[in-house]
């Protein structure tokens, strides 16, 4: 219930915003009842399965922020911000050097 929520729900919301920036689509779509059921029962599709060139480091940060179990999320927004800053400073998956950008396109074609 609402009494069980804490600041980690804000981390989850921030993670969902990052998910949408990375994939160009919400993590959960449909009518409200469907979305609520999905939130309660499934994890979103990993961003790299939606947009093939999402950097692995950003996917890892995003997925940690939207973990269904709050104990597995970042404990504070500052911790998530630190990881984002570290990725920006050293994108070890090489994505920055390949010209990756949030507005660069790259969504997988529909079959």
PDB file of N, CA and C in Angstrom:
ATOM      1  N   UNK A   1       0.796  -1.182   0.000  1.00  0.00           N
ATOM      2  CA  UNK A   1       0.000   0.000   0.000  1.00  0.00           C
ATOM      3  C   UNK A   1       0.843   1.252   0.000  1.00  0.00           C
ATOM      4  N   UNK A   2       0.184   2.385   0.091  1.00  0.00           N
ATOM      5  CA  UNK A   2       0.867   3.674   0.078  1.00  0.00           C
ATOM      6  C   UNK A   2       1.818   3.819   1.258  1.00  0.00           C
ATOM      7  N   UNK A   3       1.504   3.196   2.394  1.00  0.00           N
ATOM      8  CA  UNK A   3       2.384   3.311   3.554  1.00  0.00           C
ATOM      9  C   UNK A   3       3.681   2.538   3.356  1.00  0.00           C
ATOM     10  N   UNK A   4       3.726   1.639   2.378  1.00  0.00           N
ATOM     11  CA  UNK A   4       4.928   0.863   2.106  1.00  0.00           C
ATOM     12  C   UNK A   4       5.871   1.568   1.132  1.00  0.00           C
ATOM     13  N   UNK A   5       5.449   2.675   0.559  1.00  0.00           N
ATOM     14  CA  UNK A   5       6.293   3.351  -0.425  1.00  0.00           C
ATOM     15  C   UNK A   5       7.275   4.279   0.279  1.00  0.00           C
ATOM     16  N   UNK A   6       8.390   4.506  -0.371  1.00  0.00           N
ATOM     17  CA  UNK A   6       9.379   5.446   0.133  1.00  0.00           C
ATOM     18  C   UNK A   6       9.994   6.162  -1.056  1.00  0.00           C
ATOM     19  N   UNK A   7      11.107   6.823  -0.847  1.00  0.00           N
ATOM     20  CA  UNK A   7      11.696   7.624  -1.927  1.00  0.00           C
ATOM     21  C   UNK A   7      12.122   6.792  -3.125  1.00  0.00           C
ATOM     22  N   UNK A   8      12.236   5.474  -2.954  1.00  0.00           N
ATOM     23  CA  UNK A   8      12.635   4.637  -4.082  1.00  0.00           C
ATOM     24  C   UNK A   8      11.564   4.588  -5.169  1.00  0.00           C
ATOM     25  N   UNK A   9      10.333   4.947  -4.842  1.00  0.00           N
ATOM     26  CA  UNK A   9       9.307   5.026  -5.885  1.00  0.00           C
ATOM     27  C   UNK A   9       9.641   6.178  -6.838  1.00  0.00           C
ATOM     28  N   UNK A  10      10.285   7.226  -6.328  1.00  0.00           N
ATOM     29  CA  UNK A  10      10.722   8.319  -7.193  1.00  0.00           C
ATOM     30  C   UNK A  10      11.856   7.869  -8.103  1.00  0.00           C
ATOM     31  N   UNK A  11      12.735   6.998  -7.602  1.00  0.00           N
ATOM     32  CA  UNK A  11      13.801   6.427  -8.430  1.00  0.00           C
ATOM     33  C   UNK A  11      13.169   5.629  -9.565  1.00  0.00           C
ATOM     34  N   UNK A  12      12.132   4.864  -9.231  1.00  0.00           N
ATOM     35  CA  UNK A  12      11.414   4.071 -10.234  1.00  0.00           C
ATOM     36  C   UNK A  12      10.837   4.998 -11.313  1.00  0.00           C
ATOM     37  N   UNK A  13      10.202   6.081 -10.907  1.00  0.00           N
ATOM     38  CA  UNK A  13       9.637   7.028 -11.868  1.00  0.00           C
ATOM     39  C   UNK A  13      10.706   7.668 -12.736  1.00  0.00           C
ATOM     40  N   UNK A  14      11.837   8.018 -12.142  1.00  0.00           N
ATOM     41  CA  UNK A  14      12.949   8.569 -12.899  1.00  0.00           C
ATOM     42  C   UNK A  14      13.490   7.530 -13.884  1.00  0.00           C
ATOM     43  N   UNK A  15      13.561   6.285 -13.448  1.00  0.00           N
ATOM     44  CA  UNK A  15      13.999   5.206 -14.334  1.00  0.00           C
ATOM     45  C   UNK A  15      13.057   5.022 -15.510  1.00  0.00           C
ATOM     46  N   UNK A  16      11.753   5.166 -15.268  1.00  0.00           N
ATOM     47  CA  UNK A  16      10.792   5.049 -16.367  1.00  0.00           C
ATOM     48  C   UNK A  16      10.935   6.205 -17.357  1.00  0.00           C
ATOM     49  N   UNK A  17      11.249   7.382 -16.854  1.00  0.00           N
ATOM     50  CA  UNK A  17      11.503   8.509 -17.756  1.00  0.00           C
ATOM     51  C   UNK A  17      12.753   8.244 -18.599  1.00  0.00           C
ATOM     52  N   UNK A  18      13.806   7.714 -17.969  1.00  0.00           N
ATOM     53  CA  UNK A  18      15.013   7.358 -18.711  1.00  0.00           C
ATOM     54  C   UNK A  18      14.709   6.275 -19.739  1.00  0.00           C
ATOM     55  N   UNK A  19      13.901   5.297 -19.358  1.00  0.00           N
ATOM     56  CA  UNK A  19      13.507   4.220 -20.278  1.00  0.00           C
ATOM     57  C   UNK A  19      12.864   4.812 -21.531  1.00  0.00           C
ATOM     58  N   UNK A  20      11.951   5.743 -21.330  1.00  0.00           N
ATOM     59  CA  UNK A  20      11.253   6.333 -22.474  1.00  0.00           C
ATOM     60  C   UNK A  20      12.205   7.169 -23.335  1.00  0.00           C
ATOM     61  N   UNK A  21      13.159   7.852 -22.711  1.00  0.00           N
ATOM     62  CA  UNK A  21      14.157   8.595 -23.495  1.00  0.00           C
ATOM     63  C   UNK A  21      15.023   7.650 -24.322  1.00  0.00           C
ATOM     64  N   UNK A  22      15.355   6.502 -23.759  1.00  0.00           N
ATOM     65  CA  UNK A  22      16.231   5.558 -24.459  1.00  0.00           C
ATOM     66  C   UNK A  22      15.511   4.785 -25.556  1.00  0.00           C
ATOM     67  N   UNK A  23      14.224   4.504 -25.357  1.00  0.00           N
ATOM     68  CA  UNK A  23      13.505   3.615 -26.271  1.00  0.00           C
ATOM     69  C   UNK A  23      12.460   4.314 -27.127  1.00  0.00           C
ATOM     70  N   UNK A  24      12.182   5.570 -26.834  1.00  0.00           N
ATOM     71  CA  UNK A  24      11.144   6.324 -27.552  1.00  0.00           C
ATOM     72  C   UNK A  24       9.748   5.772 -27.307  1.00  0.00           C
ATOM     73  N   UNK A  25       9.584   4.988 -26.255  1.00  0.00           N
ATOM     74  CA  UNK A  25       8.279   4.391 -25.963  1.00  0.00           C
ATOM     75  C   UNK A  25       8.147   4.177 -24.454  1.00  0.00           C
ATOM     76  N   UNK A  26       6.942   4.264 -23.924  1.00  0.00           N
ATOM     77  CA  UNK A  26       6.769   3.982 -22.497  1.00  0.00           C
ATOM     78  C   UNK A  26       7.082   2.515 -22.175  1.00  0.00           C
ATOM     79  N   UNK A  27       7.491   2.271 -20.964  1.00  0.00           N
ATOM     80  CA  UNK A  27       7.786   0.898 -20.537  1.00  0.00           C
ATOM     81  C   UNK A  27       6.526   0.043 -20.491  1.00  0.00           C
ATOM     82  N   UNK A  28       5.403   0.674 -20.191  1.00  0.00           N
ATOM     83  CA  UNK A  28       4.116  -0.029 -20.113  1.00  0.00           C
ATOM     84  C   UNK A  28       3.098   0.763 -20.913  1.00  0.00           C
ATOM     85  N   UNK A  29       2.371   0.076 -21.794  1.00  0.00           N
ATOM     86  CA  UNK A  29       1.392   0.771 -22.633  1.00  0.00           C
ATOM     87  C   UNK A  29       0.050   0.058 -22.571  1.00  0.00           C
ATOM     88  N   UNK A  30      -1.008   0.823 -22.789  1.00  0.00           N
ATOM     89  CA  UNK A  30      -2.344   0.273 -22.854  1.00  0.00           C
ATOM     90  C   UNK A  30      -3.300   1.045 -21.970  1.00  0.00           C
ATOM     91  N   UNK A  31      -4.517   0.535 -21.863  1.00  0.00           N
ATOM     92  CA  UNK A  31      -5.492   1.142 -20.961  1.00  0.00           C
ATOM     93  C   UNK A  31      -4.983   1.046 -19.513  1.00  0.00           C
ATOM     94  N   UNK A  32      -5.473   1.919 -18.670  1.00  0.00           N
ATOM     95  CA  UNK A  32      -5.003   2.011 -17.287  1.00  0.00           C
ATOM     96  C   UNK A  32      -5.001   0.667 -16.567  1.00  0.00           C
ATOM     97  N   UNK A  33      -6.080  -0.096 -16.692  1.00  0.00           N
ATOM     98  CA  UNK A  33      -6.128  -1.382 -15.976  1.00  0.00           C
ATOM     99  C   UNK A  33      -5.040  -2.336 -16.456  1.00  0.00           C
ATOM    100  N   UNK A  34      -4.771  -2.325 -17.750  1.00  0.00           N
ATOM    101  CA  UNK A  34      -3.706  -3.172 -18.286  1.00  0.00           C
ATOM    102  C   UNK A  34      -2.345  -2.712 -17.784  1.00  0.00           C
ATOM    103  N   UNK A  35      -2.106  -1.402 -17.816  1.00  0.00           N
ATOM    104  CA  UNK A  35      -0.828  -0.859 -17.348  1.00  0.00           C
ATOM    105  C   UNK A  35      -0.607  -1.211 -15.882  1.00  0.00           C
ATOM    106  N   UNK A  36      -1.616  -1.050 -15.066  1.00  0.00           N
ATOM    107  CA  UNK A  36      -1.479  -1.380 -13.643  1.00  0.00           C
ATOM    108  C   UNK A  36      -1.169  -2.862 -13.450  1.00  0.00           C
ATOM    109  N   UNK A  37      -1.807  -3.710 -14.224  1.00  0.00           N
ATOM    110  CA  UNK A  37      -1.542  -5.155 -14.138  1.00  0.00           C
ATOM    111  C   UNK A  37      -0.113  -5.464 -14.577  1.00  0.00           C
ATOM    112  N   UNK A  38       0.333  -4.834 -15.650  1.00  0.00           N
ATOM    113  CA  UNK A  38       1.701  -5.042 -16.132  1.00  0.00           C
ATOM    114  C   UNK A  38       2.722  -4.591 -15.095  1.00  0.00           C
ATOM    115  N   UNK A  39       2.508  -3.420 -14.510  1.00  0.00           N
ATOM    116  CA  UNK A  39       3.425  -2.907 -13.483  1.00  0.00           C
ATOM    117  C   UNK A  39       3.544  -3.895 -12.329  1.00  0.00           C
ATOM    118  N   UNK A  40       2.419  -4.503 -11.960  1.00  0.00           N
ATOM    119  CA  UNK A  40       2.413  -5.414 -10.812  1.00  0.00           C
ATOM    120  C   UNK A  40       2.992  -6.786 -11.128  1.00  0.00           C
ATOM    121  N   UNK A  41       3.080  -7.140 -12.415  1.00  0.00           N
ATOM    122  CA  UNK A  41       3.419  -8.532 -12.715  1.00  0.00           C
ATOM    123  C   UNK A  41       4.636  -8.758 -13.601  1.00  0.00           C
ATOM    124  N   UNK A  42       5.065  -7.770 -14.374  1.00  0.00           N
ATOM    125  CA  UNK A  42       6.169  -8.005 -15.312  1.00  0.00           C
ATOM    126  C   UNK A  42       7.179  -6.868 -15.263  1.00  0.00           C
ATOM    127  N   UNK A  43       8.377  -7.179 -15.685  1.00  0.00           N
ATOM    128  CA  UNK A  43       9.413  -6.159 -15.865  1.00  0.00           C
ATOM    129  C   UNK A  43       9.371  -5.705 -17.326  1.00  0.00           C
ATOM    130  N   UNK A  44       9.683  -4.437 -17.580  1.00  0.00           N
ATOM    131  CA  UNK A  44       9.691  -3.963 -18.961  1.00  0.00           C
ATOM    132  C   UNK A  44      10.739  -4.685 -19.810  1.00  0.00           C
ATOM    133  N   UNK A  45      10.517  -4.694 -21.100  1.00  0.00           N
ATOM    134  CA  UNK A  45      11.492  -5.224 -22.044  1.00  0.00           C
ATOM    135  C   UNK A  45      12.781  -4.418 -21.900  1.00  0.00           C
ATOM    136  N   UNK A  46      13.934  -5.075 -21.792  1.00  0.00           N
ATOM    137  CA  UNK A  46      15.185  -4.311 -21.687  1.00  0.00           C
ATOM    138  C   UNK A  46      15.330  -3.336 -22.865  1.00  0.00           C
ATOM    139  N   UNK A  47      15.808  -2.128 -22.592  1.00  0.00           N
ATOM    140  CA  UNK A  47      15.911  -1.115 -23.646  1.00  0.00           C
ATOM    141  C   UNK A  47      16.651  -1.570 -24.899  1.00  0.00           C
ATOM    142  N   UNK A  48      17.705  -2.360 -24.776  1.00  0.00           N
ATOM    143  CA  UNK A  48      18.470  -2.799 -25.951  1.00  0.00           C
ATOM    144  C   UNK A  48      17.676  -3.761 -26.830  1.00  0.00           C
ATOM    145  N   UNK A  49      16.603  -4.335 -26.311  1.00  0.00           N
ATOM    146  CA  UNK A  49      15.737  -5.180 -27.138  1.00  0.00           C
ATOM    147  C   UNK A  49      14.720  -4.343 -27.910  1.00  0.00           C
ATOM    148  N   UNK A  50      14.585  -3.078 -27.536  1.00  0.00           N
ATOM    149  CA  UNK A  50      13.678  -2.164 -28.226  1.00  0.00           C
ATOM    150  C   UNK A  50      14.460  -1.303 -29.223  1.00  0.00           C
ATOM    151  N   UNK A  51      15.578  -0.756 -28.772  1.00  0.00           N
ATOM    152  CA  UNK A  51      16.460   0.065 -29.600  1.00  0.00           C
ATOM    153  C   UNK A  51      17.839  -0.558 -29.498  1.00  0.00           C
ATOM    154  N   UNK A  52      18.297  -1.131 -30.577  1.00  0.00           N
ATOM    155  CA  UNK A  52      19.497  -1.979 -30.553  1.00  0.00           C
ATOM    156  C   UNK A  52      20.754  -1.278 -30.083  1.00  0.00           C
ATOM    157  N   UNK A  53      20.856   0.019 -30.263  1.00  0.00           N
ATOM    158  CA  UNK A  53      22.110   0.691 -29.934  1.00  0.00           C
ATOM    159  C   UNK A  53      22.093   1.445 -28.606  1.00  0.00           C
ATOM    160  N   UNK A  54      21.138   1.148 -27.742  1.00  0.00           N
ATOM    161  CA  UNK A  54      21.185   1.741 -26.407  1.00  0.00           C
ATOM    162  C   UNK A  54      22.463   1.249 -25.726  1.00  0.00           C
ATOM    163  N   UNK A  55      23.263   2.152 -25.211  1.00  0.00           N
ATOM    164  CA  UNK A  55      24.495   1.734 -24.552  1.00  0.00           C
ATOM    165  C   UNK A  55      24.226   0.801 -23.367  1.00  0.00           C
ATOM    166  N   UNK A  56      25.040  -0.220 -23.255  1.00  0.00           N
ATOM    167  CA  UNK A  56      24.856  -1.196 -22.179  1.00  0.00           C
ATOM    168  C   UNK A  56      24.884  -0.533 -20.805  1.00  0.00           C
ATOM    169  N   UNK A  57      25.778   0.437 -20.633  1.00  0.00           N
ATOM    170  CA  UNK A  57      25.864   1.115 -19.340  1.00  0.00           C
ATOM    171  C   UNK A  57      24.591   1.859 -18.989  1.00  0.00           C
ATOM    172  N   UNK A  58      23.995   2.543 -19.958  1.00  0.00           N
ATOM    173  CA  UNK A  58      22.734   3.241 -19.694  1.00  0.00           C
ATOM    174  C   UNK A  58      21.599   2.255 -19.462  1.00  0.00           C
ATOM    175  N   UNK A  59      21.606   1.145 -20.181  1.00  0.00           N
ATOM    176  CA  UNK A  59      20.582   0.125 -19.940  1.00  0.00           C
ATOM    177  C   UNK A  59      20.697  -0.402 -18.512  1.00  0.00           C
ATOM    178  N   UNK A  60      21.914  -0.669 -18.060  1.00  0.00           N
ATOM    179  CA  UNK A  60      22.120  -1.187 -16.709  1.00  0.00           C
ATOM    180  C   UNK A  60      21.587  -0.201 -15.669  1.00  0.00           C
ATOM    181  N   UNK A  61      21.896   1.089 -15.835  1.00  0.00           N
ATOM    182  CA  UNK A  61      21.418   2.114 -14.905  1.00  0.00           C
ATOM    183  C   UNK A  61      19.895   2.174 -14.924  1.00  0.00           C
ATOM    184  N   UNK A  62      19.318   2.168 -16.116  1.00  0.00           N
ATOM    185  CA  UNK A  62      17.868   2.234 -16.269  1.00  0.00           C
ATOM    186  C   UNK A  62      17.188   1.039 -15.604  1.00  0.00           C
ATOM    187  N   UNK A  63      17.686  -0.157 -15.900  1.00  0.00           N
ATOM    188  CA  UNK A  63      17.051  -1.361 -15.358  1.00  0.00           C
ATOM    189  C   UNK A  63      17.169  -1.434 -13.844  1.00  0.00           C
ATOM    190  N   UNK A  64      18.276  -0.945 -13.301  1.00  0.00           N
ATOM    191  CA  UNK A  64      18.404  -0.934 -11.839  1.00  0.00           C
ATOM    192  C   UNK A  64      17.384   0.023 -11.236  1.00  0.00           C
ATOM    193  N   UNK A  65      17.161   1.152 -11.876  1.00  0.00           N
ATOM    194  CA  UNK A  65      16.204   2.139 -11.361  1.00  0.00           C
ATOM    195  C   UNK A  65      14.772   1.625 -11.405  1.00  0.00           C
ATOM    196  N   UNK A  66      14.452   0.753 -12.378  1.00  0.00           N
ATOM    197  CA  UNK A  66      13.060   0.285 -12.510  1.00  0.00           C
ATOM    198  C   UNK A  66      12.869  -1.149 -12.013  1.00  0.00           C
ATOM    199  N   UNK A  67      13.808  -1.636 -11.216  1.00  0.00           N
ATOM    200  CA  UNK A  67      13.635  -2.960 -10.616  1.00  0.00           C
ATOM    201  C   UNK A  67      12.283  -3.028  -9.917  1.00  0.00           C
ATOM    202  N   UNK A  68      11.606  -4.134 -10.062  1.00  0.00           N
ATOM    203  CA  UNK A  68      10.306  -4.290  -9.399  1.00  0.00           C
ATOM    204  C   UNK A  68      10.461  -4.319  -7.873  1.00  0.00           C
ATOM    205  N   UNK A  69      11.530  -4.921  -7.405  1.00  0.00           N
ATOM    206  CA  UNK A  69      11.791  -4.966  -5.967  1.00  0.00           C
ATOM    207  C   UNK A  69      12.522  -3.680  -5.562  1.00  0.00           C
ATOM    208  N   UNK A  70      11.901  -2.829  -4.742  1.00  0.00           N
ATOM    209  CA  UNK A  70      12.536  -1.568  -4.357  1.00  0.00           C
ATOM    210  C   UNK A  70      13.905  -1.748  -3.697  1.00  0.00           C
ATOM    211  N   UNK A  71      14.132  -2.869  -3.038  1.00  0.00           N
ATOM    212  CA  UNK A  71      15.418  -3.110  -2.385  1.00  0.00           C
ATOM    213  C   UNK A  71      16.551  -3.272  -3.391  1.00  0.00           C
ATOM    214  N   UNK A  72      16.224  -3.527  -4.653  1.00  0.00           N
ATOM    215  CA  UNK A  72      17.234  -3.697  -5.690  1.00  0.00           C
ATOM    216  C   UNK A  72      17.475  -2.418  -6.486  1.00  0.00           C
ATOM    217  N   UNK A  73      16.697  -1.374  -6.202  1.00  0.00           N
ATOM    218  CA  UNK A  73      16.870  -0.080  -6.873  1.00  0.00           C
ATOM    219  C   UNK A  73      17.962   0.731  -6.180  1.00  0.00           C
ATOM    220  N   UNK A  74      18.291   1.867  -6.780  1.00  0.00           N
ATOM    221  CA  UNK A  74      19.194   2.803  -6.117  1.00  0.00           C
ATOM    222  C   UNK A  74      18.519   3.282  -4.837  1.00  0.00           C
ATOM    223  N   UNK A  75      19.266   3.357  -3.745  1.00  0.00           N
ATOM    224  CA  UNK A  75      18.637   3.825  -2.500  1.00  0.00           C
ATOM    225  C   UNK A  75      18.333   5.318  -2.513  1.00  0.00           C
ATOM    226  N   UNK A  76      19.103   6.088  -3.290  1.00  0.00           N
ATOM    227  CA  UNK A  76      18.910   7.538  -3.361  1.00  0.00           C
ATOM    228  C   UNK A  76      19.098   8.017  -4.794  1.00  0.00           C
ATOM    229  N   UNK A  77      18.426   9.084  -5.154  1.00  0.00           N
ATOM    230  CA  UNK A  77      18.580   9.657  -6.494  1.00  0.00           C
ATOM    231  C   UNK A  77      20.026  10.071  -6.729  1.00  0.00           C
ATOM    232  N   UNK A  78      20.706  10.517  -5.692  1.00  0.00           N
ATOM    233  CA  UNK A  78      22.107  10.920  -5.831  1.00  0.00           C
ATOM    234  C   UNK A  78      22.972   9.743  -6.277  1.00  0.00           C
ATOM    235  N   UNK A  79      22.643   8.535  -5.839  1.00  0.00           N
ATOM    236  CA  UNK A  79      23.402   7.354  -6.255  1.00  0.00           C
ATOM    237  C   UNK A  79      23.212   7.092  -7.747  1.00  0.00           C
ATOM    238  N   UNK A  80      21.994   7.244  -8.221  1.00  0.00           N
ATOM    239  CA  UNK A  80      21.728   7.081  -9.645  1.00  0.00           C
ATOM    240  C   UNK A  80      22.437   8.182 -10.437  1.00  0.00           C
ATOM    241  N   UNK A  81      22.379   9.409  -9.934  1.00  0.00           N
ATOM    242  CA  UNK A  81      23.047  10.528 -10.607  1.00  0.00           C
ATOM    243  C   UNK A  81      24.548  10.297 -10.680  1.00  0.00           C
ATOM    244  N   UNK A  82      25.125   9.755  -9.613  1.00  0.00           N
ATOM    245  CA  UNK A  82      26.563   9.462  -9.620  1.00  0.00           C
ATOM    246  C   UNK A  82      26.908   8.461 -10.721  1.00  0.00           C
ATOM    247  N   UNK A  83      26.082   7.423 -10.873  1.00  0.00           N
ATOM    248  CA  UNK A  83      26.342   6.430 -11.918  1.00  0.00           C
ATOM    249  C   UNK A  83      26.166   7.025 -13.313  1.00  0.00           C
ATOM    250  N   UNK A  84      25.174   7.887 -13.476  1.00  0.00           N
ATOM    251  CA  UNK A  84      24.985   8.543 -14.767  1.00  0.00           C
ATOM    252  C   UNK A  84      26.184   9.441 -15.091  1.00  0.00           C
ATOM    253  N   UNK A  85      26.650  10.208 -14.102  1.00  0.00           N
ATOM    254  CA  UNK A  85      27.831  11.059 -14.323  1.00  0.00           C
ATOM    255  C   UNK A  85      29.054  10.216 -14.653  1.00  0.00           C
ATOM    256  N   UNK A  86      29.218   9.101 -13.970  1.00  0.00           N
ATOM    257  CA  UNK A  86      30.358   8.225 -14.237  1.00  0.00           C
ATOM    258  C   UNK A  86      30.280   7.671 -15.656  1.00  0.00           C
ATOM    259  N   UNK A  87      29.064   7.304 -16.105  1.00  0.00           N
ATOM    260  CA  UNK A  87      28.919   6.797 -17.471  1.00  0.00           C
ATOM    261  C   UNK A  87      29.245   7.886 -18.493  1.00  0.00           C
ATOM    262  N   UNK A  88      28.773   9.096 -18.238  1.00  0.00           N
ATOM    263  CA  UNK A  88      29.049  10.200 -19.156  1.00  0.00           C
ATOM    264  C   UNK A  88      30.561  10.456 -19.248  1.00  0.00           C
ATOM    265  N   UNK A  89      31.229  10.393 -18.106  1.00  0.00           N
ATOM    266  CA  UNK A  89      32.670  10.635 -18.078  1.00  0.00           C
ATOM    267  C   UNK A  89      33.453   9.516 -18.752  1.00  0.00           C
ATOM    268  N   UNK A  90      32.934   8.286 -18.687  1.00  0.00           N
ATOM    269  CA  UNK A  90      33.652   7.141 -19.253  1.00  0.00           C
ATOM    270  C   UNK A  90      32.656   6.103 -19.750  1.00  0.00           C
ATOM    271  N   UNK A  91      32.076   6.331 -20.926  1.00  0.00           N
ATOM    272  CA  UNK A  91      31.116   5.352 -21.468  1.00  0.00           C
ATOM    273  C   UNK A  91      31.853   4.115 -21.982  1.00  0.00           C
ATOM    274  N   UNK A  92      32.192   3.214 -21.082  1.00  0.00           N
ATOM    275  CA  UNK A  92      33.065   2.084 -21.412  1.00  0.00           C
ATOM    276  C   UNK A  92      32.511   1.168 -22.491  1.00  0.00           C
ATOM    277  N   UNK A  93      31.220   1.256 -22.776  1.00  0.00           N
ATOM    278  CA  UNK A  93      30.702   0.422 -23.857  1.00  0.00           C
ATOM    279  C   UNK A  93      30.931   1.062 -25.220  1.00  0.00           C
ATOM    280  N   UNK A  94      31.584   2.223 -25.229  1.00  0.00           N
ATOM    281  CA  UNK A  94      31.976   2.853 -26.482  1.00  0.00           C
ATOM    282  C   UNK A  94      30.873   3.585 -27.208  1.00  0.00           C
ATOM    283  N   UNK A  95      29.708   3.696 -26.623  1.00  0.00           N
ATOM    284  CA  UNK A  95      28.579   4.277 -27.328  1.00  0.00           C
ATOM    285  C   UNK A  95      28.788   5.749 -27.666  1.00  0.00           C
ATOM    286  N   UNK A  96      29.384   6.508 -26.755  1.00  0.00           N
ATOM    287  CA  UNK A  96      29.560   7.936 -27.021  1.00  0.00           C
ATOM    288  C   UNK A  96      30.484   8.151 -28.209  1.00  0.00           C
ATOM    289  N   UNK A  97      31.512   7.328 -28.314  1.00  0.00           N
ATOM    290  CA  UNK A  97      32.441   7.494 -29.417  1.00  0.00           C
ATOM    291  C   UNK A  97      31.842   7.058 -30.751  1.00  0.00           C
ATOM    292  N   UNK A  98      30.723   6.347 -30.724  1.00  0.00           N
ATOM    293  CA  UNK A  98      30.053   5.916 -31.955  1.00  0.00           C
ATOM    294  C   UNK A  98      28.977   6.904 -32.382  1.00  0.00           C
ATOM    295  N   UNK A  99      28.882   8.026 -31.669  1.00  0.00           N
ATOM    296  CA  UNK A  99      27.921   9.046 -32.048  1.00  0.00           C
ATOM    297  C   UNK A  99      26.508   8.763 -31.572  1.00  0.00           C
ATOM    298  N   UNK A 100      26.349   7.902 -30.567  1.00  0.00           N
ATOM    299  CA  UNK A 100      25.017   7.610 -30.057  1.00  0.00           C
ATOM    300  C   UNK A 100      24.440   8.860 -29.426  1.00  0.00           C
ATOM    301  N   UNK A 101      23.167   9.070 -29.627  1.00  0.00           N
ATOM    302  CA  UNK A 101      22.496  10.193 -28.993  1.00  0.00           C
ATOM    303  C   UNK A 101      21.032   9.858 -28.802  1.00  0.00           C
ATOM    304  N   UNK A 102      20.436  10.494 -27.840  1.00  0.00           N
ATOM    305  CA  UNK A 102      19.036  10.218 -27.532  1.00  0.00           C
ATOM    306  C   UNK A 102      18.153  10.471 -28.746  1.00  0.00           C
ATOM    307  N   UNK A 103      18.511  11.437 -29.586  1.00  0.00           N
ATOM    308  CA  UNK A 103      17.680  11.759 -30.741  1.00  0.00           C
ATOM    309  C   UNK A 103      18.223  11.155 -32.036  1.00  0.00           C
ATOM    310  N   UNK A 104      19.059  10.148 -31.915  1.00  0.00           N
ATOM    311  CA  UNK A 104      19.724   9.595 -33.089  1.00  0.00           C
ATOM    312  C   UNK A 104      18.965   8.504 -33.821  1.00  0.00           C
ATOM    313  N   UNK A 105      17.799   8.111 -33.368  1.00  0.00           N
ATOM    314  CA  UNK A 105      17.058   7.042 -34.038  1.00  0.00           C
ATOM    315  C   UNK A 105      17.619   5.691 -33.709  1.00  0.00           C
ATOM    316  N   UNK A 106      17.266   4.680 -34.483  1.00  0.00           N
ATOM    317  CA  UNK A 106      17.818   3.363 -34.290  1.00  0.00           C
ATOM    318  C   UNK A 106      16.850   2.342 -33.750  1.00  0.00           C
ATOM    319  N   UNK A 107      15.577   2.643 -33.740  1.00  0.00           N
ATOM    320  CA  UNK A 107      14.596   1.673 -33.270  1.00  0.00           C
ATOM    321  C   UNK A 107      14.579   0.475 -34.219  1.00  0.00           C
ATOM    322  N   UNK A 108      14.454  -0.714 -33.647  1.00  0.00           N
ATOM    323  CA  UNK A 108      14.426  -1.915 -34.476  1.00  0.00           C
ATOM    324  C   UNK A 108      13.221  -1.869 -35.413  1.00  0.00           C
ATOM    325  N   UNK A 109      13.400  -2.285 -36.647  1.00  0.00           N
ATOM    326  CA  UNK A 109      12.257  -2.292 -37.567  1.00  0.00           C
ATOM    327  C   UNK A 109      11.232  -3.329 -37.140  1.00  0.00           C
ATOM    328  N   UNK A 110       9.966  -3.011 -37.362  1.00  0.00           N
ATOM    329  CA  UNK A 110       8.897  -3.965 -37.042  1.00  0.00           C
ATOM    330  C   UNK A 110       8.874  -5.062 -38.090  1.00  0.00           C
ATOM    331  N   UNK A 111       8.603  -6.267 -37.641  1.00  0.00           N
ATOM    332  CA  UNK A 111       8.561  -7.422 -38.557  1.00  0.00           C
ATOM    333  C   UNK A 111       7.172  -7.660 -39.061  1.00  0.00           C
TER     334      UNK A 111
END
